[in-house]
Amino acid sequence: MFIDVHCHIDRYSDEEIARAIEKAERARVGIIINNGLNPESNRRTLLLAEKYQEVKAALGFYPIDLLELSETDIAHEIEFEVAVEIIG
């Protein structure tokens, strides 16, 4: 079994994600770690982890995305990320 340790499949359509996961399964990729980039991406990452057994969530910020957030927004997202229970 292989593990994809860093990807951003949340940026694609549902159909493209389904095809990518099917292709990964055929290539014996059993775990796909999707890395969130910002609040919206983090939430989609969590939804994908709930939907697909192979997808594991890694939440966080992409540095350039931080420039668009206020300190309050950043603090709220950090609180959200700490509170989320991810079981993988």
Protein backbone atom coordinates (compact mmCIF):
# COMPACT_ATOMS: atom_id res chain seq x y z
CA MET A 1 0.00 0.00 0.00
CA PHE A 2 1.11 3.54 -0.79
CA ILE A 3 0.28 6.79 1.01
CA ASP A 4 -0.10 10.16 -0.69
CA VAL A 5 1.16 12.40 2.12
CA HIS A 6 0.29 15.78 0.61
CA CYS A 7 -2.45 16.71 -1.81
CA HIS A 8 -5.23 19.25 -2.36
CA ILE A 9 -8.05 17.25 -3.90
CA ASP A 10 -10.57 19.58 -2.24
CA ARG A 11 -9.84 22.07 -5.03
CA TYR A 12 -11.49 19.80 -7.63
CA SER A 13 -15.09 19.00 -8.46
CA ASP A 14 -16.84 16.07 -6.81
CA GLU A 15 -16.67 14.10 -10.05
CA GLU A 16 -12.94 14.74 -10.47
CA ILE A 17 -12.31 13.72 -6.85
CA ALA A 18 -14.23 10.47 -7.28
CA ARG A 19 -12.21 9.65 -10.40
CA ALA A 20 -8.93 10.52 -8.65
CA ILE A 21 -9.75 8.28 -5.70
CA GLU A 22 -10.70 5.40 -8.01
CA LYS A 23 -7.42 5.85 -9.88
CA ALA A 24 -5.50 5.97 -6.60
CA GLU A 25 -7.15 2.72 -5.46
CA ARG A 26 -6.10 1.02 -8.70
CA ALA A 27 -2.54 2.23 -8.05
CA ARG A 28 -2.69 0.78 -4.51
CA VAL A 29 -2.80 4.16 -2.77
CA GLY A 30 -4.67 3.34 0.42
CA ILE A 31 -4.39 6.65 2.25
CA ILE A 32 -4.66 10.16 0.82
CA ILE A 33 -3.80 13.01 3.17
CA ASN A 34 -5.56 16.14 2.00
CA ASN A 35 -4.13 19.40 3.28
CA GLY A 36 -6.49 22.30 3.91
CA LEU A 37 -5.30 25.77 2.97
CA ASN A 38 -7.78 28.15 4.59
CA PRO A 39 -11.11 28.00 6.46
CA GLU A 40 -13.15 27.04 3.37
CA SER A 41 -10.62 24.44 2.25
CA ASN A 42 -10.36 23.01 5.76
CA ARG A 43 -14.10 22.43 5.95
CA ARG A 44 -14.21 20.80 2.53
CA THR A 45 -11.27 18.64 3.57
CA LEU A 46 -13.25 17.44 6.59
CA LEU A 47 -16.25 16.63 4.41
CA LEU A 48 -14.05 14.61 2.05
CA ALA A 49 -12.54 12.72 4.99
CA GLU A 50 -16.07 11.84 6.14
CA LYS A 51 -17.12 10.76 2.65
CA TYR A 52 -14.06 8.73 1.63
CA GLN A 53 -12.41 6.19 3.90
CA GLU A 54 -9.08 6.74 2.11
CA VAL A 55 -8.98 10.51 2.73
CA LYS A 56 -7.44 11.81 5.94
CA ALA A 57 -7.63 15.48 6.87
CA ALA A 58 -4.74 17.79 7.65
CA LEU A 59 -6.00 21.26 8.54
CA GLY A 60 -4.05 24.49 8.42
CA PHE A 61 -3.22 27.67 6.56
CA TYR A 62 -1.31 28.35 3.39
CA PRO A 63 0.91 31.35 4.18
CA ILE A 64 -0.37 33.56 1.36
CA ASP A 65 -3.97 32.89 2.41
CA LEU A 66 -3.21 34.30 5.85
CA LEU A 67 -2.74 37.73 4.29
CA GLU A 68 -6.46 37.82 3.46
CA LEU A 69 -7.60 36.99 7.00
CA SER A 70 -7.92 39.25 10.03
CA GLU A 71 -6.27 38.30 13.30
CA THR A 72 -9.75 37.52 14.65
CA ASP A 73 -10.48 35.22 11.68
CA ILE A 74 -7.18 33.43 12.22
CA ALA A 75 -7.88 33.00 15.93
CA HIS A 76 -11.36 31.60 15.20
CA GLU A 77 -9.97 29.14 12.66
CA ILE A 78 -7.29 27.95 15.08
CA GLU A 79 -9.97 27.43 17.74
CA PHE A 80 -12.04 25.47 15.21
CA GLU A 81 -9.07 23.31 14.21
CA VAL A 82 -8.19 22.54 17.82
CA ALA A 83 -11.79 21.59 18.58
CA VAL A 84 -12.20 19.26 15.59
CA GLU A 85 -11.78 15.61 16.42
CA ILE A 86 -10.22 13.82 13.49
CA ILE A 87 -10.07 10.08 13.79
CA GLY A 88 -8.16 8.41 11.06
